[in-house]
Amino acid sequence: MSLAAFQPTHCPADASAKPRRRSRAKPRPPRERGVVTAELRGLGGLVLEQALIDATARPLPSLVQWTRRLAVELGDAASVKVETNRELMHAITAINRRSTADPRPIVALAAA
């Protein structure tokens, strides 16, 4: 069999040269603060289980990212920099306390 049979029929450079159509998807409206805080409390329960198993273990990166996203959505400017499950649990607790003490409207900020 010749090598020509295994050659692609089109060049990938041709595909990238075509203009891409812009998405017509509408941006999501901000979620209600109660919904975001309920999600934060649910995340806190999950992190609490992780901390009870091993408080000194490194938290999962996805849980840290989730915490950061919820903190931004709640308008919490404090960055989440944690090394252990215990620190992540303390960060979630602090975010929840600050969000419940916040006198701003019930609607959360737009997701970043």
PDB file of N, CA and C in Angstrom:
ATOM      1  N   MET A   1       0.844  -1.176   0.000  1.00  0.00           N
ATOM      2  CA  MET A   1       0.000   0.000   0.000  1.00  0.00           C
ATOM      3  C   MET A   1       0.890   1.241   0.000  1.00  0.00           C
ATOM      4  N   SER A   2       0.508   2.236  -0.718  1.00  0.00           N
ATOM      5  CA  SER A   2       1.335   3.432  -0.820  1.00  0.00           C
ATOM      6  C   SER A   2       1.052   4.384   0.342  1.00  0.00           C
ATOM      7  N   LEU A   3       1.969   5.260   0.586  1.00  0.00           N
ATOM      8  CA  LEU A   3       1.845   6.240   1.654  1.00  0.00           C
ATOM      9  C   LEU A   3       0.778   7.289   1.309  1.00  0.00           C
ATOM     10  N   ALA A   4       0.488   7.477   0.050  1.00  0.00           N
ATOM     11  CA  ALA A   4      -0.507   8.454  -0.382  1.00  0.00           C
ATOM     12  C   ALA A   4      -1.900   8.091   0.113  1.00  0.00           C
ATOM     13  N   ALA A   5      -2.161   6.827   0.354  1.00  0.00           N
ATOM     14  CA  ALA A   5      -3.478   6.413   0.836  1.00  0.00           C
ATOM     15  C   ALA A   5      -3.732   6.896   2.255  1.00  0.00           C
ATOM     16  N   PHE A   6      -2.689   7.187   3.001  1.00  0.00           N
ATOM     17  CA  PHE A   6      -2.849   7.610   4.379  1.00  0.00           C
ATOM     18  C   PHE A   6      -2.753   9.125   4.551  1.00  0.00           C
ATOM     19  N   GLN A   7      -2.631   9.863   3.490  1.00  0.00           N
ATOM     20  CA  GLN A   7      -2.545  11.316   3.560  1.00  0.00           C
ATOM     21  C   GLN A   7      -3.941  11.896   3.754  1.00  0.00           C
ATOM     22  N   PRO A   8      -4.063  12.941   4.554  1.00  0.00           N
ATOM     23  CA  PRO A   8      -5.372  13.561   4.743  1.00  0.00           C
ATOM     24  C   PRO A   8      -5.834  14.238   3.459  1.00  0.00           C
ATOM     25  N   THR A   9      -7.140  14.299   3.272  1.00  0.00           N
ATOM     26  CA  THR A   9      -7.700  14.887   2.053  1.00  0.00           C
ATOM     27  C   THR A   9      -7.761  16.401   2.127  1.00  0.00           C
ATOM     28  N   HIS A  10      -7.714  16.958   3.320  1.00  0.00           N
ATOM     29  CA  HIS A  10      -7.720  18.418   3.442  1.00  0.00           C
ATOM     30  C   HIS A  10      -6.642  18.837   4.426  1.00  0.00           C
ATOM     31  N   CYS A  11      -6.215  20.050   4.293  1.00  0.00           N
ATOM     32  CA  CYS A  11      -5.148  20.581   5.134  1.00  0.00           C
ATOM     33  C   CYS A  11      -5.777  21.280   6.342  1.00  0.00           C
ATOM     34  N   PRO A  12      -5.295  21.045   7.567  1.00  0.00           N
ATOM     35  CA  PRO A  12      -5.870  21.702   8.739  1.00  0.00           C
ATOM     36  C   PRO A  12      -5.749  23.223   8.674  1.00  0.00           C
ATOM     37  N   ALA A  13      -4.774  23.751   7.939  1.00  0.00           N
ATOM     38  CA  ALA A  13      -4.627  25.202   7.819  1.00  0.00           C
ATOM     39  C   ALA A  13      -5.821  25.810   7.101  1.00  0.00           C
ATOM     40  N   ASP A  14      -6.414  25.053   6.157  1.00  0.00           N
ATOM     41  CA  ASP A  14      -7.589  25.563   5.452  1.00  0.00           C
ATOM     42  C   ASP A  14      -8.764  25.742   6.407  1.00  0.00           C
ATOM     43  N   ALA A  15      -8.895  24.857   7.361  1.00  0.00           N
ATOM     44  CA  ALA A  15     -10.009  24.924   8.306  1.00  0.00           C
ATOM     45  C   ALA A  15      -9.898  26.146   9.209  1.00  0.00           C
ATOM     46  N   SER A  16      -8.685  26.512   9.602  1.00  0.00           N
ATOM     47  CA  SER A  16      -8.527  27.658  10.492  1.00  0.00           C
ATOM     48  C   SER A  16      -8.658  28.980   9.739  1.00  0.00           C
ATOM     49  N   ALA A  17      -8.542  28.965   8.420  1.00  0.00           N
ATOM     50  CA  ALA A  17      -8.635  30.190   7.637  1.00  0.00           C
ATOM     51  C   ALA A  17     -10.083  30.664   7.486  1.00  0.00           C
ATOM     52  N   LYS A  18     -11.045  29.759   7.672  1.00  0.00           N
ATOM     53  CA  LYS A  18     -12.443  30.146   7.540  1.00  0.00           C
ATOM     54  C   LYS A  18     -12.849  31.009   8.730  1.00  0.00           C
ATOM     55  N   PRO A  19     -13.623  32.054   8.466  1.00  0.00           N
ATOM     56  CA  PRO A  19     -14.074  32.886   9.589  1.00  0.00           C
ATOM     57  C   PRO A  19     -15.103  32.124  10.431  1.00  0.00           C
ATOM     58  N   ARG A  20     -14.981  32.277  11.734  1.00  0.00           N
ATOM     59  CA  ARG A  20     -15.919  31.608  12.635  1.00  0.00           C
ATOM     60  C   ARG A  20     -17.103  32.515  12.897  1.00  0.00           C
ATOM     61  N   ARG A  21     -18.281  31.925  12.909  1.00  0.00           N
ATOM     62  CA  ARG A  21     -19.481  32.696  13.202  1.00  0.00           C
ATOM     63  C   ARG A  21     -19.574  32.929  14.702  1.00  0.00           C
ATOM     64  N   ARG A  22     -19.914  34.106  15.094  1.00  0.00           N
ATOM     65  CA  ARG A  22     -20.033  34.433  16.514  1.00  0.00           C
ATOM     66  C   ARG A  22     -21.227  33.733  17.114  1.00  0.00           C
ATOM     67  N   SER A  23     -21.111  33.402  18.352  1.00  0.00           N
ATOM     68  CA  SER A  23     -22.185  32.719  19.056  1.00  0.00           C
ATOM     69  C   SER A  23     -23.359  33.668  19.272  1.00  0.00           C
ATOM     70  N   ARG A  24     -24.539  33.134  19.173  1.00  0.00           N
ATOM     71  CA  ARG A  24     -25.740  33.929  19.428  1.00  0.00           C
ATOM     72  C   ARG A  24     -26.284  33.673  20.829  1.00  0.00           C
ATOM     73  N   ALA A  25     -25.549  32.908  21.591  1.00  0.00           N
ATOM     74  CA  ALA A  25     -25.992  32.587  22.940  1.00  0.00           C
ATOM     75  C   ALA A  25     -26.031  33.857  23.787  1.00  0.00           C
ATOM     76  N   LYS A  26     -27.099  33.997  24.532  1.00  0.00           N
ATOM     77  CA  LYS A  26     -27.232  35.161  25.395  1.00  0.00           C
ATOM     78  C   LYS A  26     -26.457  34.917  26.688  1.00  0.00           C
ATOM     79  N   PRO A  27     -25.850  35.957  27.223  1.00  0.00           N
ATOM     80  CA  PRO A  27     -25.164  35.774  28.497  1.00  0.00           C
ATOM     81  C   PRO A  27     -26.181  35.459  29.592  1.00  0.00           C
ATOM     82  N   ARG A  28     -25.773  34.621  30.504  1.00  0.00           N
ATOM     83  CA  ARG A  28     -26.679  34.246  31.587  1.00  0.00           C
ATOM     84  C   ARG A  28     -26.857  35.421  32.540  1.00  0.00           C
ATOM     85  N   PRO A  29     -28.069  35.617  33.017  1.00  0.00           N
ATOM     86  CA  PRO A  29     -28.264  36.674  34.012  1.00  0.00           C
ATOM     87  C   PRO A  29     -27.671  36.238  35.345  1.00  0.00           C
ATOM     88  N   PRO A  30     -27.360  37.182  36.210  1.00  0.00           N
ATOM     89  CA  PRO A  30     -26.803  36.812  37.513  1.00  0.00           C
ATOM     90  C   PRO A  30     -27.793  35.969  38.314  1.00  0.00           C
ATOM     91  N   ARG A  31     -27.257  35.032  39.077  1.00  0.00           N
ATOM     92  CA  ARG A  31     -28.118  34.188  39.898  1.00  0.00           C
ATOM     93  C   ARG A  31     -28.463  34.911  41.198  1.00  0.00           C
ATOM     94  N   GLU A  32     -29.544  34.476  41.828  1.00  0.00           N
ATOM     95  CA  GLU A  32     -29.938  35.073  43.098  1.00  0.00           C
ATOM     96  C   GLU A  32     -28.912  34.712  44.167  1.00  0.00           C
ATOM     97  N   ARG A  33     -28.702  35.633  45.077  1.00  0.00           N
ATOM     98  CA  ARG A  33     -27.723  35.436  46.141  1.00  0.00           C
ATOM     99  C   ARG A  33     -28.052  34.199  46.966  1.00  0.00           C
ATOM    100  N   GLY A  34     -29.317  33.937  47.234  1.00  0.00           N
ATOM    101  CA  GLY A  34     -29.707  32.760  48.013  1.00  0.00           C
ATOM    102  C   GLY A  34     -29.308  31.458  47.346  1.00  0.00           C
ATOM    103  N   VAL A  35     -29.409  31.419  46.031  1.00  0.00           N
ATOM    104  CA  VAL A  35     -29.022  30.224  45.283  1.00  0.00           C
ATOM    105  C   VAL A  35     -27.519  30.001  45.384  1.00  0.00           C
ATOM    106  N   VAL A  36     -26.759  31.087  45.255  1.00  0.00           N
ATOM    107  CA  VAL A  36     -25.301  30.983  45.307  1.00  0.00           C
ATOM    108  C   VAL A  36     -24.848  30.594  46.712  1.00  0.00           C
ATOM    109  N   THR A  37     -25.458  31.184  47.748  1.00  0.00           N
ATOM    110  CA  THR A  37     -25.063  30.827  49.115  1.00  0.00           C
ATOM    111  C   THR A  37     -25.461  29.397  49.449  1.00  0.00           C
ATOM    112  N   ALA A  38     -26.579  28.923  48.918  1.00  0.00           N
ATOM    113  CA  ALA A  38     -26.957  27.525  49.131  1.00  0.00           C
ATOM    114  C   ALA A  38     -25.945  26.592  48.469  1.00  0.00           C
ATOM    115  N   GLU A  39     -25.483  26.960  47.280  1.00  0.00           N
ATOM    116  CA  GLU A  39     -24.449  26.165  46.611  1.00  0.00           C
ATOM    117  C   GLU A  39     -23.148  26.196  47.407  1.00  0.00           C
ATOM    118  N   LEU A  40     -22.828  27.347  47.992  1.00  0.00           N
ATOM    119  CA  LEU A  40     -21.624  27.463  48.817  1.00  0.00           C
ATOM    120  C   LEU A  40     -21.731  26.574  50.057  1.00  0.00           C
ATOM    121  N   ARG A  41     -22.909  26.531  50.671  1.00  0.00           N
ATOM    122  CA  ARG A  41     -23.090  25.667  51.835  1.00  0.00           C
ATOM    123  C   ARG A  41     -23.001  24.194  51.460  1.00  0.00           C
ATOM    124  N   GLY A  42     -23.517  23.831  50.311  1.00  0.00           N
ATOM    125  CA  GLY A  42     -23.382  22.456  49.838  1.00  0.00           C
ATOM    126  C   GLY A  42     -21.933  22.089  49.594  1.00  0.00           C
ATOM    127  N   LEU A  43     -21.196  23.003  49.000  1.00  0.00           N
ATOM    128  CA  LEU A  43     -19.765  22.802  48.798  1.00  0.00           C
ATOM    129  C   LEU A  43     -19.055  22.672  50.146  1.00  0.00           C
ATOM    130  N   GLY A  44     -19.487  23.462  51.120  1.00  0.00           N
ATOM    131  CA  GLY A  44     -18.904  23.380  52.458  1.00  0.00           C
ATOM    132  C   GLY A  44     -19.112  22.012  53.086  1.00  0.00           C
ATOM    133  N   GLY A  45     -20.271  21.417  52.853  1.00  0.00           N
ATOM    134  CA  GLY A  45     -20.520  20.069  53.370  1.00  0.00           C
ATOM    135  C   GLY A  45     -19.584  19.054  52.751  1.00  0.00           C
ATOM    136  N   LEU A  46     -19.359  19.180  51.466  1.00  0.00           N
ATOM    137  CA  LEU A  46     -18.443  18.272  50.768  1.00  0.00           C
ATOM    138  C   LEU A  46     -17.008  18.442  51.271  1.00  0.00           C
ATOM    139  N   VAL A  47     -16.594  19.691  51.439  1.00  0.00           N
ATOM    140  CA  VAL A  47     -15.239  19.961  51.928  1.00  0.00           C
ATOM    141  C   VAL A  47     -15.103  19.519  53.387  1.00  0.00           C
ATOM    142  N   LEU A  48     -16.161  19.641  54.174  1.00  0.00           N
ATOM    143  CA  LEU A  48     -16.117  19.178  55.560  1.00  0.00           C
ATOM    144  C   LEU A  48     -15.859  17.674  55.618  1.00  0.00           C
ATOM    145  N   GLU A  49     -16.522  16.917  54.750  1.00  0.00           N
ATOM    146  CA  GLU A  49     -16.272  15.473  54.692  1.00  0.00           C
ATOM    147  C   GLU A  49     -14.811  15.193  54.348  1.00  0.00           C
ATOM    148  N   GLN A  50     -14.282  15.942  53.387  1.00  0.00           N
ATOM    149  CA  GLN A  50     -12.873  15.769  53.008  1.00  0.00           C
ATOM    150  C   GLN A  50     -11.952  16.118  54.182  1.00  0.00           C
ATOM    151  N   ALA A  51     -12.293  17.188  54.905  1.00  0.00           N
ATOM    152  CA  ALA A  51     -11.465  17.615  56.031  1.00  0.00           C
ATOM    153  C   ALA A  51     -11.541  16.623  57.186  1.00  0.00           C
ATOM    154  N   LEU A  52     -12.691  15.984  57.376  1.00  0.00           N
ATOM    155  CA  LEU A  52     -12.804  14.989  58.442  1.00  0.00           C
ATOM    156  C   LEU A  52     -11.981  13.744  58.122  1.00  0.00           C
ATOM    157  N   ILE A  53     -11.877  13.411  56.851  1.00  0.00           N
ATOM    158  CA  ILE A  53     -11.073  12.255  56.451  1.00  0.00           C
ATOM    159  C   ILE A  53      -9.593  12.567  56.657  1.00  0.00           C
ATOM    160  N   ASP A  54      -9.143  13.715  56.123  1.00  0.00           N
ATOM    161  CA  ASP A  54      -7.742  14.113  56.287  1.00  0.00           C
ATOM    162  C   ASP A  54      -7.663  15.634  56.176  1.00  0.00           C
ATOM    163  N   ALA A  55      -7.569  16.285  57.318  1.00  0.00           N
ATOM    164  CA  ALA A  55      -7.574  17.749  57.355  1.00  0.00           C
ATOM    165  C   ALA A  55      -6.306  18.359  56.768  1.00  0.00           C
ATOM    166  N   THR A  56      -5.205  17.629  56.799  1.00  0.00           N
ATOM    167  CA  THR A  56      -3.939  18.186  56.321  1.00  0.00           C
ATOM    168  C   THR A  56      -3.671  17.870  54.850  1.00  0.00           C
ATOM    169  N   ALA A  57      -4.555  17.123  54.219  1.00  0.00           N
ATOM    170  CA  ALA A  57      -4.371  16.769  52.802  1.00  0.00           C
ATOM    171  C   ALA A  57      -4.609  17.991  51.922  1.00  0.00           C
ATOM    172  N   ARG A  58      -4.018  17.958  50.761  1.00  0.00           N
ATOM    173  CA  ARG A  58      -4.205  19.014  49.769  1.00  0.00           C
ATOM    174  C   ARG A  58      -5.610  18.902  49.184  1.00  0.00           C
ATOM    175  N   PRO A  59      -6.361  20.010  49.120  1.00  0.00           N
ATOM    176  CA  PRO A  59      -7.719  19.935  48.563  1.00  0.00           C
ATOM    177  C   PRO A  59      -7.689  19.698  47.054  1.00  0.00           C
ATOM    178  N   LEU A  60      -8.760  19.131  46.552  1.00  0.00           N
ATOM    179  CA  LEU A  60      -8.871  18.916  45.114  1.00  0.00           C
ATOM    180  C   LEU A  60      -8.896  20.266  44.399  1.00  0.00           C
ATOM    181  N   PRO A  61      -8.158  20.399  43.294  1.00  0.00           N
ATOM    182  CA  PRO A  61      -8.143  21.680  42.572  1.00  0.00           C
ATOM    183  C   PRO A  61      -9.534  22.116  42.097  1.00  0.00           C
ATOM    184  N   SER A  62     -10.373  21.167  41.748  1.00  0.00           N
ATOM    185  CA  SER A  62     -11.713  21.525  41.282  1.00  0.00           C
ATOM    186  C   SER A  62     -12.543  22.158  42.400  1.00  0.00           C
ATOM    187  N   LEU A  63     -12.343  21.699  43.643  1.00  0.00           N
ATOM    188  CA  LEU A  63     -13.070  22.289  44.769  1.00  0.00           C
ATOM    189  C   LEU A  63     -12.570  23.699  45.061  1.00  0.00           C
ATOM    190  N   VAL A  64     -11.284  23.916  44.909  1.00  0.00           N
ATOM    191  CA  VAL A  64     -10.721  25.257  45.124  1.00  0.00           C
ATOM    192  C   VAL A  64     -11.229  26.219  44.041  1.00  0.00           C
ATOM    193  N   GLN A  65     -11.273  25.759  42.800  1.00  0.00           N
ATOM    194  CA  GLN A  65     -11.783  26.600  41.706  1.00  0.00           C
ATOM    195  C   GLN A  65     -13.267  26.910  41.908  1.00  0.00           C
ATOM    196  N   TRP A  66     -14.016  25.916  42.348  1.00  0.00           N
ATOM    197  CA  TRP A  66     -15.444  26.108  42.603  1.00  0.00           C
ATOM    198  C   TRP A  66     -15.631  27.159  43.697  1.00  0.00           C
ATOM    199  N   THR A  67     -14.827  27.083  44.747  1.00  0.00           N
ATOM    200  CA  THR A  67     -14.906  28.053  45.834  1.00  0.00           C
ATOM    201  C   THR A  67     -14.576  29.453  45.332  1.00  0.00           C
ATOM    202  N   ARG A  68     -13.544  29.565  44.509  1.00  0.00           N
ATOM    203  CA  ARG A  68     -13.172  30.874  43.950  1.00  0.00           C
ATOM    204  C   ARG A  68     -14.296  31.452  43.095  1.00  0.00           C
ATOM    205  N   ARG A  69     -14.905  30.597  42.262  1.00  0.00           N
ATOM    206  CA  ARG A  69     -15.981  31.080  41.391  1.00  0.00           C
ATOM    207  C   ARG A  69     -17.163  31.584  42.214  1.00  0.00           C
ATOM    208  N   LEU A  70     -17.531  30.849  43.264  1.00  0.00           N
ATOM    209  CA  LEU A  70     -18.643  31.282  44.109  1.00  0.00           C
ATOM    210  C   LEU A  70     -18.292  32.554  44.876  1.00  0.00           C
ATOM    211  N   ALA A  71     -17.030  32.680  45.309  1.00  0.00           N
ATOM    212  CA  ALA A  71     -16.610  33.892  46.012  1.00  0.00           C
ATOM    213  C   ALA A  71     -16.711  35.111  45.100  1.00  0.00           C
ATOM    214  N   VAL A  72     -16.304  34.966  43.863  1.00  0.00           N
ATOM    215  CA  VAL A  72     -16.402  36.065  42.899  1.00  0.00           C
ATOM    216  C   VAL A  72     -17.863  36.402  42.640  1.00  0.00           C
ATOM    217  N   GLU A  73     -18.686  35.383  42.517  1.00  0.00           N
ATOM    218  CA  GLU A  73     -20.108  35.601  42.261  1.00  0.00           C
ATOM    219  C   GLU A  73     -20.777  36.329  43.430  1.00  0.00           C
ATOM    220  N   LEU A  74     -20.298  36.081  44.636  1.00  0.00           N
ATOM    221  CA  LEU A  74     -20.855  36.747  45.817  1.00  0.00           C
ATOM    222  C   LEU A  74     -20.200  38.098  46.083  1.00  0.00           C
ATOM    223  N   GLY A  75     -19.225  38.472  45.256  1.00  0.00           N
ATOM    224  CA  GLY A  75     -18.587  39.768  45.402  1.00  0.00           C
ATOM    225  C   GLY A  75     -17.547  39.793  46.503  1.00  0.00           C
ATOM    226  N   ASP A  76     -17.033  38.640  46.866  1.00  0.00           N
ATOM    227  CA  ASP A  76     -16.018  38.557  47.908  1.00  0.00           C
ATOM    228  C   ASP A  76     -14.652  38.765  47.270  1.00  0.00           C
ATOM    229  N   ALA A  77     -14.008  39.869  47.608  1.00  0.00           N
ATOM    230  CA  ALA A  77     -12.739  40.212  46.980  1.00  0.00           C
ATOM    231  C   ALA A  77     -11.572  39.394  47.522  1.00  0.00           C
ATOM    232  N   ALA A  78     -11.754  38.761  48.666  1.00  0.00           N
ATOM    233  CA  ALA A  78     -10.658  37.982  49.256  1.00  0.00           C
ATOM    234  C   ALA A  78     -10.372  36.770  48.368  1.00  0.00           C
ATOM    235  N   SER A  79      -9.104  36.615  48.015  1.00  0.00           N
ATOM    236  CA  SER A  79      -8.743  35.482  47.172  1.00  0.00           C
ATOM    237  C   SER A  79      -8.631  34.228  48.032  1.00  0.00           C
ATOM    238  N   VAL A  80      -8.910  33.093  47.423  1.00  0.00           N
ATOM    239  CA  VAL A  80      -8.867  31.822  48.117  1.00  0.00           C
ATOM    240  C   VAL A  80      -7.512  31.177  47.836  1.00  0.00           C
ATOM    241  N   LYS A  81      -6.627  31.253  48.812  1.00  0.00           N
ATOM    242  CA  LYS A  81      -5.308  30.617  48.699  1.00  0.00           C
ATOM    243  C   LYS A  81      -5.197  29.641  49.861  1.00  0.00           C
ATOM    244  N   VAL A  82      -5.337  28.371  49.554  1.00  0.00           N
ATOM    245  CA  VAL A  82      -5.362  27.353  50.597  1.00  0.00           C
ATOM    246  C   VAL A  82      -4.377  26.241  50.261  1.00  0.00           C
ATOM    247  N   GLU A  83      -3.885  25.602  51.295  1.00  0.00           N
ATOM    248  CA  GLU A  83      -2.954  24.489  51.131  1.00  0.00           C
ATOM    249  C   GLU A  83      -3.542  23.173  51.652  1.00  0.00           C
ATOM    250  N   THR A  84      -4.517  23.254  52.560  1.00  0.00           N
ATOM    251  CA  THR A  84      -5.076  22.042  53.159  1.00  0.00           C
ATOM    252  C   THR A  84      -6.596  22.084  53.104  1.00  0.00           C
ATOM    253  N   ASN A  85      -7.200  20.921  53.353  1.00  0.00           N
ATOM    254  CA  ASN A  85      -8.660  20.855  53.414  1.00  0.00           C
ATOM    255  C   ASN A  85      -9.200  21.723  54.552  1.00  0.00           C
ATOM    256  N   ARG A  86      -8.474  21.769  55.667  1.00  0.00           N
ATOM    257  CA  ARG A  86      -8.904  22.585  56.810  1.00  0.00           C
ATOM    258  C   ARG A  86      -8.948  24.060  56.420  1.00  0.00           C
ATOM    259  N   GLU A  87      -7.924  24.536  55.711  1.00  0.00           N
ATOM    260  CA  GLU A  87      -7.896  25.935  55.282  1.00  0.00           C
ATOM    261  C   GLU A  87      -9.017  26.240  54.300  1.00  0.00           C
ATOM    262  N   LEU A  88      -9.319  25.298  53.426  1.00  0.00           N
ATOM    263  CA  LEU A  88     -10.418  25.494  52.477  1.00  0.00           C
ATOM    264  C   LEU A  88     -11.744  25.586  53.217  1.00  0.00           C
ATOM    265  N   MET A  89     -11.926  24.761  54.237  1.00  0.00           N
ATOM    266  CA  MET A  89     -13.157  24.817  55.029  1.00  0.00           C
ATOM    267  C   MET A  89     -13.279  26.160  55.736  1.00  0.00           C
ATOM    268  N   HIS A  90     -12.173  26.655  56.280  1.00  0.00           N
ATOM    269  CA  HIS A  90     -12.190  27.971  56.937  1.00  0.00           C
ATOM    270  C   HIS A  90     -12.485  29.080  55.927  1.00  0.00           C
ATOM    271  N   ALA A  91     -11.952  28.964  54.717  1.00  0.00           N
ATOM    272  CA  ALA A  91     -12.210  29.975  53.680  1.00  0.00           C
ATOM    273  C   ALA A  91     -13.684  29.993  53.287  1.00  0.00           C
ATOM    274  N   ILE A  92     -14.276  28.817  53.137  1.00  0.00           N
ATOM    275  CA  ILE A  92     -15.699  28.736  52.774  1.00  0.00           C
ATOM    276  C   ILE A  92     -16.557  29.327  53.885  1.00  0.00           C
ATOM    277  N   THR A  93     -16.211  29.033  55.129  1.00  0.00           N
ATOM    278  CA  THR A  93     -16.952  29.581  56.263  1.00  0.00           C
ATOM    279  C   THR A  93     -16.867  31.103  56.287  1.00  0.00           C
ATOM    280  N   ALA A  94     -15.680  31.631  56.033  1.00  0.00           N
ATOM    281  CA  ALA A  94     -15.501  33.088  56.029  1.00  0.00           C
ATOM    282  C   ALA A  94     -16.288  33.746  54.895  1.00  0.00           C
ATOM    283  N   ILE A  95     -16.267  33.125  53.718  1.00  0.00           N
ATOM    284  CA  ILE A  95     -17.036  33.664  52.581  1.00  0.00           C
ATOM    285  C   ILE A  95     -18.517  33.671  52.913  1.00  0.00           C
ATOM    286  N   ASN A  96     -19.002  32.591  53.521  1.00  0.00           N
ATOM    287  CA  ASN A  96     -20.420  32.512  53.886  1.00  0.00           C
ATOM    288  C   ASN A  96     -20.782  33.577  54.909  1.00  0.00           C
ATOM    289  N   ARG A  97     -19.924  33.790  55.900  1.00  0.00           N
ATOM    290  CA  ARG A  97     -20.203  34.823  56.920  1.00  0.00           C
ATOM    291  C   ARG A  97     -20.244  36.208  56.303  1.00  0.00           C
ATOM    292  N   ARG A  98     -19.280  36.498  55.431  1.00  0.00           N
ATOM    293  CA  ARG A  98     -19.258  37.820  54.797  1.00  0.00           C
ATOM    294  C   ARG A  98     -20.447  38.017  53.869  1.00  0.00           C
ATOM    295  N   SER A  99     -20.878  36.956  53.188  1.00  0.00           N
ATOM    296  CA  SER A  99     -22.004  37.105  52.259  1.00  0.00           C
ATOM    297  C   SER A  99     -23.325  37.296  52.995  1.00  0.00           C
ATOM    298  N   THR A 100     -23.489  36.665  54.162  1.00  0.00           N
ATOM    299  CA  THR A 100     -24.733  36.852  54.910  1.00  0.00           C
ATOM    300  C   THR A 100     -24.770  38.209  55.597  1.00  0.00           C
ATOM    301  N   ALA A 101     -23.603  38.784  55.897  1.00  0.00           N
ATOM    302  CA  ALA A 101     -23.553  40.105  56.517  1.00  0.00           C
ATOM    303  C   ALA A 101     -23.610  41.225  55.485  1.00  0.00           C
ATOM    304  N   ASP A 102     -23.548  40.890  54.212  1.00  0.00           N
ATOM    305  CA  ASP A 102     -23.513  41.870  53.129  1.00  0.00           C
ATOM    306  C   ASP A 102     -24.898  42.473  52.914  1.00  0.00           C
ATOM    307  N   PRO A 103     -25.035  43.803  52.996  1.00  0.00           N
ATOM    308  CA  PRO A 103     -26.344  44.419  52.823  1.00  0.00           C
ATOM    309  C   PRO A 103     -26.752  44.663  51.371  1.00  0.00           C
ATOM    310  N   ARG A 104     -25.945  44.222  50.407  1.00  0.00           N
ATOM    311  CA  ARG A 104     -26.272  44.453  48.995  1.00  0.00           C
ATOM    312  C   ARG A 104     -27.533  43.707  48.590  1.00  0.00           C
ATOM    313  N   PRO A 105     -28.057  43.999  47.411  1.00  0.00           N
ATOM    314  CA  PRO A 105     -29.279  43.337  46.954  1.00  0.00           C
ATOM    315  C   PRO A 105     -29.127  41.816  46.875  1.00  0.00           C
ATOM    316  N   ILE A 106     -30.243  41.158  46.755  1.00  0.00           N
ATOM    317  CA  ILE A 106     -30.286  39.696  46.771  1.00  0.00           C
ATOM    318  C   ILE A 106     -29.640  39.090  45.528  1.00  0.00           C
ATOM    319  N   VAL A 107     -29.598  39.815  44.422  1.00  0.00           N
ATOM    320  CA  VAL A 107     -29.037  39.276  43.198  1.00  0.00           C
ATOM    321  C   VAL A 107     -27.517  39.263  43.288  1.00  0.00           C
ATOM    322  N   ALA A 108     -26.920  38.127  42.956  1.00  0.00           N
ATOM    323  CA  ALA A 108     -25.466  37.999  42.998  1.00  0.00           C
ATOM    324  C   ALA A 108     -24.857  38.704  41.793  1.00  0.00           C
ATOM    325  N   LEU A 109     -23.536  38.813  41.804  1.00  0.00           N
ATOM    326  CA  LEU A 109     -22.835  39.432  40.689  1.00  0.00           C
ATOM    327  C   LEU A 109     -22.831  38.501  39.486  1.00  0.00           C
ATOM    328  N   ALA A 110     -22.611  39.054  38.321  1.00  0.00           N
ATOM    329  CA  ALA A 110     -22.513  38.231  37.111  1.00  0.00           C
ATOM    330  C   ALA A 110     -21.283  37.358  37.206  1.00  0.00           C
ATOM    331  N   ALA A 111     -21.406  36.128  36.771  1.00  0.00           N
ATOM    332  CA  ALA A 111     -20.277  35.203  36.821  1.00  0.00           C
ATOM    333  C   ALA A 111     -19.170  35.686  35.914  1.00  0.00           C
ATOM    334  N   ALA A 112     -17.943  35.534  36.375  1.00  0.00           N
ATOM    335  CA  ALA A 112     -16.793  36.000  35.591  1.00  0.00           C
ATOM    336  C   ALA A 112     -16.402  35.014  34.556  1.00  0.00           C
TER     337      ALA A 112
END
